[in-house]
Amino acid sequence: MRNKSTYYLMGFGCGSLAALLFAPKAGAAMRAEIVKAGKKRRRLVKQKIASAAGAIDSYRIAQRALKRGMPSKRVRALFQ
């Protein structure tokens, strides 16, 4: 008499064989695609962080200039 784990293992083996037979790409190609997507995501995150840092710097410059009472060209350009 077989227990449930035997059927589970047999199903797992059949499923893995079917996945290998009908896989759209080889393992190396799939891993390369995953790595490429990860690099692209990291690059986009770095760009977003850089643009946010630039916006914060511009805001700080404008606040300092307004506190000093000297509306410079840069401050006017930021608030137009």
PDB file of N, CA and C in Angstrom:
ATOM      1  N   MET A   1       0.842  -1.185   0.000  1.00  0.00           N
ATOM      2  CA  MET A   1       0.000   0.000   0.000  1.00  0.00           C
ATOM      3  C   MET A   1       0.881   1.240   0.000  1.00  0.00           C
ATOM      4  N   ARG A   2       0.603   2.141  -0.912  1.00  0.00           N
ATOM      5  CA  ARG A   2       1.394   3.350  -1.047  1.00  0.00           C
ATOM      6  C   ARG A   2       0.749   4.481  -0.237  1.00  0.00           C
ATOM      7  N   ASN A   3       1.608   5.310   0.303  1.00  0.00           N
ATOM      8  CA  ASN A   3       1.073   6.456   1.048  1.00  0.00           C
ATOM      9  C   ASN A   3       1.041   7.699   0.166  1.00  0.00           C
ATOM     10  N   LYS A   4       0.545   8.788   0.711  1.00  0.00           N
ATOM     11  CA  LYS A   4       0.364  10.016  -0.068  1.00  0.00           C
ATOM     12  C   LYS A   4       1.679  10.598  -0.562  1.00  0.00           C
ATOM     13  N   SER A   5       2.738  10.467   0.207  1.00  0.00           N
ATOM     14  CA  SER A   5       4.021  11.053  -0.204  1.00  0.00           C
ATOM     15  C   SER A   5       4.552  10.388  -1.474  1.00  0.00           C
ATOM     16  N   THR A   6       4.270   9.118  -1.673  1.00  0.00           N
ATOM     17  CA  THR A   6       4.705   8.436  -2.891  1.00  0.00           C
ATOM     18  C   THR A   6       4.023   9.053  -4.106  1.00  0.00           C
ATOM     19  N   TYR A   7       2.720   9.268  -4.005  1.00  0.00           N
ATOM     20  CA  TYR A   7       1.994   9.882  -5.109  1.00  0.00           C
ATOM     21  C   TYR A   7       2.462  11.326  -5.341  1.00  0.00           C
ATOM     22  N   TYR A   8       2.762  11.999  -4.264  1.00  0.00           N
ATOM     23  CA  TYR A   8       3.256  13.366  -4.380  1.00  0.00           C
ATOM     24  C   TYR A   8       4.583  13.389  -5.139  1.00  0.00           C
ATOM     25  N   LEU A   9       5.504  12.508  -4.770  1.00  0.00           N
ATOM     26  CA  LEU A   9       6.804  12.455  -5.436  1.00  0.00           C
ATOM     27  C   LEU A   9       6.673  12.057  -6.904  1.00  0.00           C
ATOM     28  N   MET A  10       5.759  11.132  -7.194  1.00  0.00           N
ATOM     29  CA  MET A  10       5.565  10.733  -8.590  1.00  0.00           C
ATOM     30  C   MET A  10       5.001  11.906  -9.399  1.00  0.00           C
ATOM     31  N   GLY A  11       4.055  12.617  -8.834  1.00  0.00           N
ATOM     32  CA  GLY A  11       3.490  13.780  -9.516  1.00  0.00           C
ATOM     33  C   GLY A  11       4.519  14.872  -9.718  1.00  0.00           C
ATOM     34  N   PHE A  12       5.361  15.074  -8.706  1.00  0.00           N
ATOM     35  CA  PHE A  12       6.418  16.071  -8.812  1.00  0.00           C
ATOM     36  C   PHE A  12       7.385  15.707  -9.928  1.00  0.00           C
ATOM     37  N   GLY A  13       7.770  14.450 -10.005  1.00  0.00           N
ATOM     38  CA  GLY A  13       8.690  13.996 -11.059  1.00  0.00           C
ATOM     39  C   GLY A  13       8.093  14.162 -12.436  1.00  0.00           C
ATOM     40  N   CYS A  14       6.819  13.797 -12.591  1.00  0.00           N
ATOM     41  CA  CYS A  14       6.156  13.944 -13.902  1.00  0.00           C
ATOM     42  C   CYS A  14       6.030  15.420 -14.275  1.00  0.00           C
ATOM     43  N   GLY A  15       5.719  16.251 -13.296  1.00  0.00           N
ATOM     44  CA  GLY A  15       5.591  17.681 -13.561  1.00  0.00           C
ATOM     45  C   GLY A  15       6.910  18.307 -13.970  1.00  0.00           C
ATOM     46  N   SER A  16       7.975  17.895 -13.309  1.00  0.00           N
ATOM     47  CA  SER A  16       9.282  18.462 -13.658  1.00  0.00           C
ATOM     48  C   SER A  16       9.724  18.016 -15.043  1.00  0.00           C
ATOM     49  N   LEU A  17       9.438  16.770 -15.400  1.00  0.00           N
ATOM     50  CA  LEU A  17       9.770  16.304 -16.753  1.00  0.00           C
ATOM     51  C   LEU A  17       8.965  17.073 -17.804  1.00  0.00           C
ATOM     52  N   ALA A  18       7.703  17.292 -17.549  1.00  0.00           N
ATOM     53  CA  ALA A  18       6.871  18.040 -18.494  1.00  0.00           C
ATOM     54  C   ALA A  18       7.385  19.472 -18.630  1.00  0.00           C
ATOM     55  N   ALA A  19       7.799  20.063 -17.524  1.00  0.00           N
ATOM     56  CA  ALA A  19       8.323  21.431 -17.576  1.00  0.00           C
ATOM     57  C   ALA A  19       9.600  21.492 -18.400  1.00  0.00           C
ATOM     58  N   LEU A  20      10.447  20.481 -18.259  1.00  0.00           N
ATOM     59  CA  LEU A  20      11.680  20.460 -19.046  1.00  0.00           C
ATOM     60  C   LEU A  20      11.398  20.261 -20.536  1.00  0.00           C
ATOM     61  N   LEU A  21      10.432  19.442 -20.840  1.00  0.00           N
ATOM     62  CA  LEU A  21      10.117  19.176 -22.243  1.00  0.00           C
ATOM     63  C   LEU A  21       9.503  20.391 -22.933  1.00  0.00           C
ATOM     64  N   PHE A  22       8.661  21.121 -22.216  1.00  0.00           N
ATOM     65  CA  PHE A  22       7.938  22.219 -22.841  1.00  0.00           C
ATOM     66  C   PHE A  22       8.463  23.588 -22.432  1.00  0.00           C
ATOM     67  N   ALA A  23       9.660  23.640 -21.893  1.00  0.00           N
ATOM     68  CA  ALA A  23      10.237  24.915 -21.474  1.00  0.00           C
ATOM     69  C   ALA A  23      10.529  25.773 -22.704  1.00  0.00           C
ATOM     70  N   PRO A  24      10.187  27.052 -22.652  1.00  0.00           N
ATOM     71  CA  PRO A  24      10.415  27.907 -23.823  1.00  0.00           C
ATOM     72  C   PRO A  24      11.889  28.228 -24.049  1.00  0.00           C
ATOM     73  N   LYS A  25      12.693  28.180 -22.995  1.00  0.00           N
ATOM     74  CA  LYS A  25      14.111  28.515 -23.117  1.00  0.00           C
ATOM     75  C   LYS A  25      14.934  27.556 -22.270  1.00  0.00           C
ATOM     76  N   ALA A  26      16.210  27.514 -22.585  1.00  0.00           N
ATOM     77  CA  ALA A  26      17.129  26.711 -21.791  1.00  0.00           C
ATOM     78  C   ALA A  26      17.393  27.410 -20.460  1.00  0.00           C
ATOM     79  N   GLY A  27      17.916  26.687 -19.508  1.00  0.00           N
ATOM     80  CA  GLY A  27      18.173  27.236 -18.176  1.00  0.00           C
ATOM     81  C   GLY A  27      19.137  28.407 -18.194  1.00  0.00           C
ATOM     82  N   ALA A  28      20.204  28.300 -18.987  1.00  0.00           N
ATOM     83  CA  ALA A  28      21.200  29.380 -19.045  1.00  0.00           C
ATOM     84  C   ALA A  28      20.583  30.657 -19.626  1.00  0.00           C
ATOM     85  N   ALA A  29      19.762  30.506 -20.652  1.00  0.00           N
ATOM     86  CA  ALA A  29      19.122  31.675 -21.250  1.00  0.00           C
ATOM     87  C   ALA A  29      18.140  32.315 -20.274  1.00  0.00           C
ATOM     88  N   MET A  30      17.421  31.494 -19.529  1.00  0.00           N
ATOM     89  CA  MET A  30      16.462  32.005 -18.554  1.00  0.00           C
ATOM     90  C   MET A  30      17.183  32.755 -17.433  1.00  0.00           C
ATOM     91  N   ARG A  31      18.290  32.187 -16.947  1.00  0.00           N
ATOM     92  CA  ARG A  31      19.059  32.856 -15.892  1.00  0.00           C
ATOM     93  C   ARG A  31      19.640  34.172 -16.400  1.00  0.00           C
ATOM     94  N   ALA A  32      20.115  34.191 -17.641  1.00  0.00           N
ATOM     95  CA  ALA A  32      20.672  35.421 -18.207  1.00  0.00           C
ATOM     96  C   ALA A  32      19.600  36.504 -18.305  1.00  0.00           C
ATOM     97  N   GLU A  33      18.385  36.109 -18.668  1.00  0.00           N
ATOM     98  CA  GLU A  33      17.288  37.067 -18.750  1.00  0.00           C
ATOM     99  C   GLU A  33      16.932  37.624 -17.370  1.00  0.00           C
ATOM    100  N   ILE A  34      16.941  36.768 -16.371  1.00  0.00           N
ATOM    101  CA  ILE A  34      16.636  37.200 -15.003  1.00  0.00           C
ATOM    102  C   ILE A  34      17.691  38.178 -14.510  1.00  0.00           C
ATOM    103  N   VAL A  35      18.964  37.892 -14.794  1.00  0.00           N
ATOM    104  CA  VAL A  35      20.048  38.787 -14.386  1.00  0.00           C
ATOM    105  C   VAL A  35      19.922  40.132 -15.103  1.00  0.00           C
ATOM    106  N   LYS A  36      19.600  40.097 -16.381  1.00  0.00           N
ATOM    107  CA  LYS A  36      19.445  41.324 -17.162  1.00  0.00           C
ATOM    108  C   LYS A  36      18.303  42.174 -16.610  1.00  0.00           C
ATOM    109  N   ALA A  37      17.195  41.534 -16.260  1.00  0.00           N
ATOM    110  CA  ALA A  37      16.055  42.270 -15.695  1.00  0.00           C
ATOM    111  C   ALA A  37      16.420  42.875 -14.343  1.00  0.00           C
ATOM    112  N   GLY A  38      17.183  42.151 -13.544  1.00  0.00           N
ATOM    113  CA  GLY A  38      17.612  42.677 -12.248  1.00  0.00           C
ATOM    114  C   GLY A  38      18.507  43.891 -12.393  1.00  0.00           C
ATOM    115  N   LYS A  39      19.427  43.844 -13.360  1.00  0.00           N
ATOM    116  CA  LYS A  39      20.317  44.992 -13.605  1.00  0.00           C
ATOM    117  C   LYS A  39      19.525  46.201 -14.076  1.00  0.00           C
ATOM    118  N   LYS A  40      18.535  45.958 -14.951  1.00  0.00           N
ATOM    119  CA  LYS A  40      17.718  47.060 -15.454  1.00  0.00           C
ATOM    120  C   LYS A  40      16.925  47.692 -14.311  1.00  0.00           C
ATOM    121  N   ARG A  41      16.378  46.862 -13.431  1.00  0.00           N
ATOM    122  CA  ARG A  41      15.610  47.378 -12.301  1.00  0.00           C
ATOM    123  C   ARG A  41      16.491  48.200 -11.373  1.00  0.00           C
ATOM    124  N   ARG A  42      17.699  47.711 -11.102  1.00  0.00           N
ATOM    125  CA  ARG A  42      18.621  48.460 -10.235  1.00  0.00           C
ATOM    126  C   ARG A  42      19.003  49.794 -10.861  1.00  0.00           C
ATOM    127  N   ARG A  43      19.214  49.805 -12.188  1.00  0.00           N
ATOM    128  CA  ARG A  43      19.558  51.049 -12.880  1.00  0.00           C
ATOM    129  C   ARG A  43      18.412  52.056 -12.784  1.00  0.00           C
ATOM    130  N   LEU A  44      17.180  51.582 -12.958  1.00  0.00           N
ATOM    131  CA  LEU A  44      16.031  52.480 -12.866  1.00  0.00           C
ATOM    132  C   LEU A  44      15.867  53.041 -11.453  1.00  0.00           C
ATOM    133  N   VAL A  45      16.112  52.213 -10.451  1.00  0.00           N
ATOM    134  CA  VAL A  45      16.012  52.676  -9.066  1.00  0.00           C
ATOM    135  C   VAL A  45      17.069  53.741  -8.793  1.00  0.00           C
ATOM    136  N   LYS A  46      18.289  53.526  -9.291  1.00  0.00           N
ATOM    137  CA  LYS A  46      19.356  54.518  -9.101  1.00  0.00           C
ATOM    138  C   LYS A  46      18.998  55.837  -9.779  1.00  0.00           C
ATOM    139  N   GLN A  47      18.386  55.781 -10.964  1.00  0.00           N
ATOM    140  CA  GLN A  47      17.989  57.000 -11.663  1.00  0.00           C
ATOM    141  C   GLN A  47      16.913  57.745 -10.879  1.00  0.00           C
ATOM    142  N   LYS A  48      15.949  57.018 -10.322  1.00  0.00           N
ATOM    143  CA  LYS A  48      14.892  57.654  -9.541  1.00  0.00           C
ATOM    144  C   LYS A  48      15.458  58.316  -8.289  1.00  0.00           C
ATOM    145  N   ILE A  49      16.400  57.633  -7.648  1.00  0.00           N
ATOM    146  CA  ILE A  49      17.024  58.193  -6.450  1.00  0.00           C
ATOM    147  C   ILE A  49      17.792  59.459  -6.804  1.00  0.00           C
ATOM    148  N   ALA A  50      18.517  59.428  -7.919  1.00  0.00           N
ATOM    149  CA  ALA A  50      19.293  60.599  -8.338  1.00  0.00           C
ATOM    150  C   ALA A  50      18.383  61.776  -8.665  1.00  0.00           C
ATOM    151  N   SER A  51      17.272  61.514  -9.342  1.00  0.00           N
ATOM    152  CA  SER A  51      16.367  62.623  -9.687  1.00  0.00           C
ATOM    153  C   SER A  51      15.699  63.179  -8.429  1.00  0.00           C
ATOM    154  N   ALA A  52      15.375  62.313  -7.477  1.00  0.00           N
ATOM    155  CA  ALA A  52      14.782  62.795  -6.223  1.00  0.00           C
ATOM    156  C   ALA A  52      15.794  63.627  -5.444  1.00  0.00           C
ATOM    157  N   ALA A  53      17.055  63.195  -5.437  1.00  0.00           N
ATOM    158  CA  ALA A  53      18.098  63.957  -4.743  1.00  0.00           C
ATOM    159  C   ALA A  53      18.286  65.326  -5.395  1.00  0.00           C
ATOM    160  N   GLY A  54      18.222  65.384  -6.710  1.00  0.00           N
ATOM    161  CA  GLY A  54      18.333  66.661  -7.411  1.00  0.00           C
ATOM    162  C   GLY A  54      17.184  67.594  -7.070  1.00  0.00           C
ATOM    163  N   ALA A  55      15.979  67.043  -6.983  1.00  0.00           N
ATOM    164  CA  ALA A  55      14.820  67.860  -6.626  1.00  0.00           C
ATOM    165  C   ALA A  55      14.940  68.389  -5.204  1.00  0.00           C
ATOM    166  N   ILE A  56      15.423  67.551  -4.301  1.00  0.00           N
ATOM    167  CA  ILE A  56      15.599  67.977  -2.904  1.00  0.00           C
ATOM    168  C   ILE A  56      16.648  69.080  -2.821  1.00  0.00           C
ATOM    169  N   ASP A  57      17.741  68.929  -3.562  1.00  0.00           N
ATOM    170  CA  ASP A  57      18.783  69.969  -3.571  1.00  0.00           C
ATOM    171  C   ASP A  57      18.233  71.296  -4.096  1.00  0.00           C
ATOM    172  N   SER A  58      17.446  71.241  -5.166  1.00  0.00           N
ATOM    173  CA  SER A  58      16.864  72.466  -5.717  1.00  0.00           C
ATOM    174  C   SER A  58      15.949  73.125  -4.700  1.00  0.00           C
ATOM    175  N   TYR A  59      15.162  72.325  -4.010  1.00  0.00           N
ATOM    176  CA  TYR A  59      14.250  72.864  -2.995  1.00  0.00           C
ATOM    177  C   TYR A  59      15.032  73.530  -1.862  1.00  0.00           C
ATOM    178  N   ARG A  60      16.104  72.887  -1.432  1.00  0.00           N
ATOM    179  CA  ARG A  60      16.911  73.453  -0.343  1.00  0.00           C
ATOM    180  C   ARG A  60      17.570  74.765  -0.761  1.00  0.00           C
ATOM    181  N   ILE A  61      18.062  74.826  -1.973  1.00  0.00           N
ATOM    182  CA  ILE A  61      18.670  76.059  -2.480  1.00  0.00           C
ATOM    183  C   ILE A  61      17.642  77.175  -2.511  1.00  0.00           C
ATOM    184  N   ALA A  62      16.442  76.861  -2.990  1.00  0.00           N
ATOM    185  CA  ALA A  62      15.390  77.871  -3.057  1.00  0.00           C
ATOM    186  C   ALA A  62      15.004  78.347  -1.662  1.00  0.00           C
ATOM    187  N   GLN A  63      14.897  77.430  -0.719  1.00  0.00           N
ATOM    188  CA  GLN A  63      14.529  77.813   0.646  1.00  0.00           C
ATOM    189  C   GLN A  63      15.593  78.720   1.273  1.00  0.00           C
ATOM    190  N   ARG A  64      16.863  78.387   1.077  1.00  0.00           N
ATOM    191  CA  ARG A  64      17.942  79.225   1.622  1.00  0.00           C
ATOM    192  C   ARG A  64      17.919  80.624   1.024  1.00  0.00           C
ATOM    193  N   ALA A  65      17.726  80.686  -0.291  1.00  0.00           N
ATOM    194  CA  ALA A  65      17.716  81.996  -0.959  1.00  0.00           C
ATOM    195  C   ALA A  65      16.531  82.828  -0.488  1.00  0.00           C
ATOM    196  N   LEU A  66      15.381  82.195  -0.314  1.00  0.00           N
ATOM    197  CA  LEU A  66      14.208  82.939   0.145  1.00  0.00           C
ATOM    198  C   LEU A  66      14.370  83.391   1.591  1.00  0.00           C
ATOM    199  N   LYS A  67      14.994  82.580   2.430  1.00  0.00           N
ATOM    200  CA  LYS A  67      15.218  82.973   3.824  1.00  0.00           C
ATOM    201  C   LYS A  67      16.154  84.170   3.919  1.00  0.00           C
ATOM    202  N   ARG A  68      17.122  84.226   3.026  1.00  0.00           N
ATOM    203  CA  ARG A  68      18.086  85.334   3.038  1.00  0.00           C
ATOM    204  C   ARG A  68      17.522  86.590   2.396  1.00  0.00           C
ATOM    205  N   GLY A  69      16.354  86.453   1.775  1.00  0.00           N
ATOM    206  CA  GLY A  69      15.744  87.621   1.142  1.00  0.00           C
ATOM    207  C   GLY A  69      16.369  87.980  -0.181  1.00  0.00           C
ATOM    208  N   MET A  70      17.109  87.067  -0.761  1.00  0.00           N
ATOM    209  CA  MET A  70      17.751  87.342  -2.038  1.00  0.00           C
ATOM    210  C   MET A  70      17.155  86.426  -3.107  1.00  0.00           C
ATOM    211  N   PRO A  71      16.085  86.843  -3.771  1.00  0.00           N
ATOM    212  CA  PRO A  71      15.507  85.993  -4.817  1.00  0.00           C
ATOM    213  C   PRO A  71      16.413  85.953  -6.047  1.00  0.00           C
ATOM    214  N   SER A  72      17.198  84.961  -6.146  1.00  0.00           N
ATOM    215  CA  SER A  72      18.143  84.854  -7.263  1.00  0.00           C
ATOM    216  C   SER A  72      17.417  84.376  -8.520  1.00  0.00           C
ATOM    217  N   LYS A  73      18.125  84.365  -9.629  1.00  0.00           N
ATOM    218  CA  LYS A  73      17.549  83.888 -10.884  1.00  0.00           C
ATOM    219  C   LYS A  73      17.142  82.428 -10.764  1.00  0.00           C
ATOM    220  N   ARG A  74      17.921  81.683 -10.037  1.00  0.00           N
ATOM    221  CA  ARG A  74      17.628  80.264  -9.872  1.00  0.00           C
ATOM    222  C   ARG A  74      16.325  80.047  -9.092  1.00  0.00           C
ATOM    223  N   VAL A  75      16.099  80.870  -8.070  1.00  0.00           N
ATOM    224  CA  VAL A  75      14.873  80.748  -7.293  1.00  0.00           C
ATOM    225  C   VAL A  75      13.677  81.105  -8.146  1.00  0.00           C
ATOM    226  N   ARG A  76      13.774  82.181  -8.897  1.00  0.00           N
ATOM    227  CA  ARG A  76      12.663  82.567  -9.764  1.00  0.00           C
ATOM    228  C   ARG A  76      12.370  81.482 -10.795  1.00  0.00           C
ATOM    229  N   ALA A  77      13.413  80.880 -11.334  1.00  0.00           N
ATOM    230  CA  ALA A  77      13.229  79.834 -12.334  1.00  0.00           C
ATOM    231  C   ALA A  77      12.556  78.603 -11.729  1.00  0.00           C
ATOM    232  N   LEU A  78      12.846  78.318 -10.477  1.00  0.00           N
ATOM    233  CA  LEU A  78      12.239  77.151  -9.836  1.00  0.00           C
ATOM    234  C   LEU A  78      10.751  77.339  -9.588  1.00  0.00           C
ATOM    235  N   PHE A  79      10.340  78.562  -9.305  1.00  0.00           N
ATOM    236  CA  PHE A  79       8.949  78.790  -8.937  1.00  0.00           C
ATOM    237  C   PHE A  79       8.093  79.327 -10.067  1.00  0.00           C
ATOM    238  N   GLN A  80       8.573  79.323 -11.278  1.00  0.00           N
ATOM    239  CA  GLN A  80       7.769  79.775 -12.417  1.00  0.00           C
ATOM    240  C   GLN A  80       7.050  78.622 -13.063  1.00  0.00           C
TER     241      GLN A  80
END
